[in-house]
């Protein structure tokens, strides 16, 4: 009997958090916890929709889960990642991973397969300059993150919002 009131309470709390700009991260790409949407254009974390060409693949492979109408045009939630390179910076993609301004970022080596042994296609190795209107995103928290190591730079228009940590569980 107490299940129904509990479900109503939890649903209401989640809806209120959403309305106040609080997002929950339960992925390994960022520390587990609560994040607050920020108006600061320099906030170092973003939520974005992948480009149309990979949007379906990332959703069907389960990289983005389900959002039940809150998120990207395909119905799946956005990816939440740290911004590692801003316009004007240099990025090098190599077999060792992503280096920004010649500093190799930990856990950014592209993997040949995901956790279910499905092939992944790494962004081409090379030296890149971050163009105006683009960002590079990569998780240094988890080596299996789906980010710029596979997507390359993302366009600023793909960013739904920027975030800052509010309360981390780790």
Protein backbone atom coordinates (compact mmCIF):
# COMPACT_ATOMS: atom_id res chain seq x y z
CA UNK A 1 0.00 0.00 0.00
CA UNK A 2 2.90 2.37 0.73
CA UNK A 3 4.36 1.75 -2.72
CA UNK A 4 1.98 4.08 -4.55
CA UNK A 5 2.57 7.11 -2.27
CA UNK A 6 6.33 6.45 -2.46
CA UNK A 7 6.24 6.35 -6.24
CA UNK A 8 4.22 9.57 -6.36
CA UNK A 9 6.69 11.27 -3.99
CA UNK A 10 9.76 10.14 -5.94
CA UNK A 11 8.18 11.12 -9.27
CA UNK A 12 7.28 14.54 -7.90
CA UNK A 13 10.76 15.07 -6.49
CA UNK A 14 12.38 14.13 -9.82
CA UNK A 15 10.05 16.44 -11.74
CA UNK A 16 10.80 19.30 -9.33
CA UNK A 17 14.55 18.73 -9.69
CA UNK A 18 14.17 18.80 -13.48
CA UNK A 19 12.17 22.04 -13.30
CA UNK A 20 14.88 23.66 -11.16
CA UNK A 21 17.63 22.72 -13.60
CA UNK A 22 19.08 19.82 -11.63
CA UNK A 23 20.20 16.80 -13.61
CA UNK A 24 21.22 13.39 -12.33
CA UNK A 25 24.23 11.63 -13.80
CA UNK A 26 24.28 7.86 -13.34
CA UNK A 27 26.84 7.16 -16.09
CA UNK A 28 30.58 6.63 -15.71
CA UNK A 29 31.47 9.55 -18.02
CA UNK A 30 31.26 11.97 -15.08
CA UNK A 31 31.31 11.42 -11.33
CA UNK A 32 27.95 10.08 -10.19
CA UNK A 33 25.82 12.83 -8.72
CA UNK A 34 23.63 15.87 -9.20
CA UNK A 35 24.51 18.65 -11.62
CA UNK A 36 22.98 22.09 -11.99
CA UNK A 37 22.40 23.76 -15.34
CA UNK A 38 24.58 26.85 -15.63
CA UNK A 39 24.31 30.01 -17.72
CA UNK A 40 28.10 30.37 -17.61
CA UNK A 41 29.43 29.89 -21.18
CA UNK A 42 32.71 28.70 -19.65
CA UNK A 43 31.17 25.92 -17.53
CA UNK A 44 33.32 22.88 -18.19
CA UNK A 45 30.57 20.29 -18.53
CA UNK A 46 28.00 20.01 -21.31
CA UNK A 47 24.97 17.95 -22.21
CA UNK A 48 24.64 17.54 -25.96
CA UNK A 49 22.89 15.53 -28.63
CA UNK A 50 25.18 13.54 -30.90
CA UNK A 51 25.21 14.43 -34.59
CA UNK A 52 22.36 12.96 -36.61
CA UNK A 53 24.60 10.34 -38.24
CA UNK A 54 25.49 8.70 -34.91
CA UNK A 55 22.40 9.65 -32.91
CA UNK A 56 20.56 6.40 -33.71
CA UNK A 57 23.60 4.20 -33.14
CA UNK A 58 24.36 5.71 -29.75
CA UNK A 59 20.74 5.25 -28.65
CA UNK A 60 20.23 1.72 -30.02
CA UNK A 61 23.51 0.54 -28.50
CA UNK A 62 22.36 1.83 -25.13
CA UNK A 63 25.04 4.50 -24.75
CA UNK A 64 22.34 7.07 -23.91
CA UNK A 65 19.51 5.08 -22.28
CA UNK A 66 15.94 6.39 -22.26
CA UNK A 67 14.73 9.87 -21.35
CA UNK A 68 10.98 9.55 -21.91
CA UNK A 69 10.65 12.73 -23.95
CA UNK A 70 13.25 14.89 -22.18
CA UNK A 71 16.32 15.14 -24.34
CA UNK A 72 17.36 14.78 -27.93
CA UNK A 73 15.11 14.64 -31.01
CA UNK A 74 15.39 10.83 -31.11
CA UNK A 75 13.89 10.55 -27.60
CA UNK A 76 17.12 9.43 -25.93
CA UNK A 77 18.87 11.58 -23.32
CA UNK A 78 21.83 13.76 -24.23
CA UNK A 79 25.41 12.77 -23.57
CA UNK A 80 26.99 14.53 -20.58
CA UNK A 81 30.73 15.17 -20.96
CA UNK A 82 33.55 17.45 -19.82
CA UNK A 83 34.74 19.99 -22.37
CA UNK A 84 38.46 19.32 -22.94
CA UNK A 85 39.21 21.80 -25.72
CA UNK A 86 37.77 25.18 -26.67
CA UNK A 87 38.07 27.19 -29.91
CA UNK A 88 41.66 28.11 -30.73
CA UNK A 89 43.26 25.23 -28.84
CA UNK A 90 45.23 22.45 -30.50
CA UNK A 91 44.12 18.83 -30.26
CA UNK A 92 46.10 15.78 -31.29
CA UNK A 93 44.33 12.47 -31.77
CA UNK A 94 46.63 9.45 -31.74
CA UNK A 95 46.64 5.77 -30.81
CA UNK A 96 47.54 6.91 -27.26
CA UNK A 97 44.42 9.08 -26.92
CA UNK A 98 43.52 12.76 -27.09
CA UNK A 99 46.13 15.40 -26.27
CA UNK A 100 45.15 19.04 -25.77
CA UNK A 101 47.96 21.58 -26.09
CA UNK A 102 50.38 18.59 -26.14
CA UNK A 103 49.09 17.19 -22.83
CA UNK A 104 47.75 13.65 -23.16
CA UNK A 105 44.44 13.26 -21.34
CA UNK A 106 44.07 10.11 -19.23
CA UNK A 107 41.57 7.44 -20.29
CA UNK A 108 41.03 8.91 -23.78
CA UNK A 109 42.51 6.13 -25.88
CA UNK A 110 39.92 5.01 -28.43
CA UNK A 111 38.88 1.39 -28.01
CA UNK A 112 38.33 -0.95 -30.97
CA UNK A 113 35.17 -2.44 -29.41
CA UNK A 114 32.55 -1.44 -26.86
CA UNK A 115 31.70 -3.52 -23.78
CA UNK A 116 29.53 -5.86 -25.88
CA UNK A 117 32.30 -6.45 -28.47
CA UNK A 118 30.65 -4.24 -31.12
CA UNK A 119 33.15 -2.36 -33.29
CA UNK A 120 33.85 1.31 -32.57
CA UNK A 121 35.25 3.72 -35.14
CA UNK A 122 37.82 6.14 -33.76
CA UNK A 123 38.13 9.69 -35.01
CA UNK A 124 41.04 9.88 -37.48
CA UNK A 125 44.47 10.45 -35.96
CA UNK A 126 45.95 13.85 -36.63
CA UNK A 127 46.47 17.37 -35.40
CA UNK A 128 43.44 19.63 -35.21
CA UNK A 129 42.78 23.24 -34.30
CA UNK A 130 39.46 23.70 -32.50
CA UNK A 131 37.41 25.83 -34.86
CA UNK A 132 35.08 28.63 -33.73
CA UNK A 133 31.66 27.21 -32.87
CA UNK A 134 33.02 23.77 -31.93
CA UNK A 135 34.21 21.97 -28.80
CA UNK A 136 36.00 18.73 -28.03
CA UNK A 137 34.50 16.64 -25.25
CA UNK A 138 36.05 13.64 -23.54
CA UNK A 139 35.71 11.81 -20.29
CA UNK A 140 38.92 11.28 -18.40
CA UNK A 141 36.91 9.39 -15.77
CA UNK A 142 36.13 6.26 -17.78
CA UNK A 143 38.10 4.66 -20.62
CA UNK A 144 34.90 3.42 -22.31
CA UNK A 145 33.23 6.81 -22.69
CA UNK A 146 31.55 7.63 -26.02
CA UNK A 147 32.86 11.11 -26.83
CA UNK A 148 35.16 13.06 -29.18
CA UNK A 149 37.50 10.08 -29.46
CA UNK A 150 34.74 8.70 -31.76
CA UNK A 151 32.68 11.79 -32.60
CA UNK A 152 35.43 14.34 -33.16
CA UNK A 153 34.55 17.95 -32.42
CA UNK A 154 30.95 18.76 -31.62
CA UNK A 155 29.17 21.86 -32.85
CA UNK A 156 28.09 24.42 -30.27
CA UNK A 157 24.52 24.07 -31.59
CA UNK A 158 24.48 20.46 -30.38
CA UNK A 159 24.91 21.62 -26.77
CA UNK A 160 21.58 21.65 -24.94
CA UNK A 161 22.99 23.15 -21.75
CA UNK A 162 26.13 23.60 -19.67
CA UNK A 163 26.44 22.24 -16.15
CA UNK A 164 28.33 22.48 -12.89
CA UNK A 165 28.51 19.81 -10.18
CA UNK A 166 26.03 20.32 -7.36
CA UNK A 167 26.44 17.20 -5.21
CA UNK A 168 28.64 14.23 -6.10
CA UNK A 169 28.11 10.75 -4.72
CA UNK A 170 31.75 9.71 -5.17
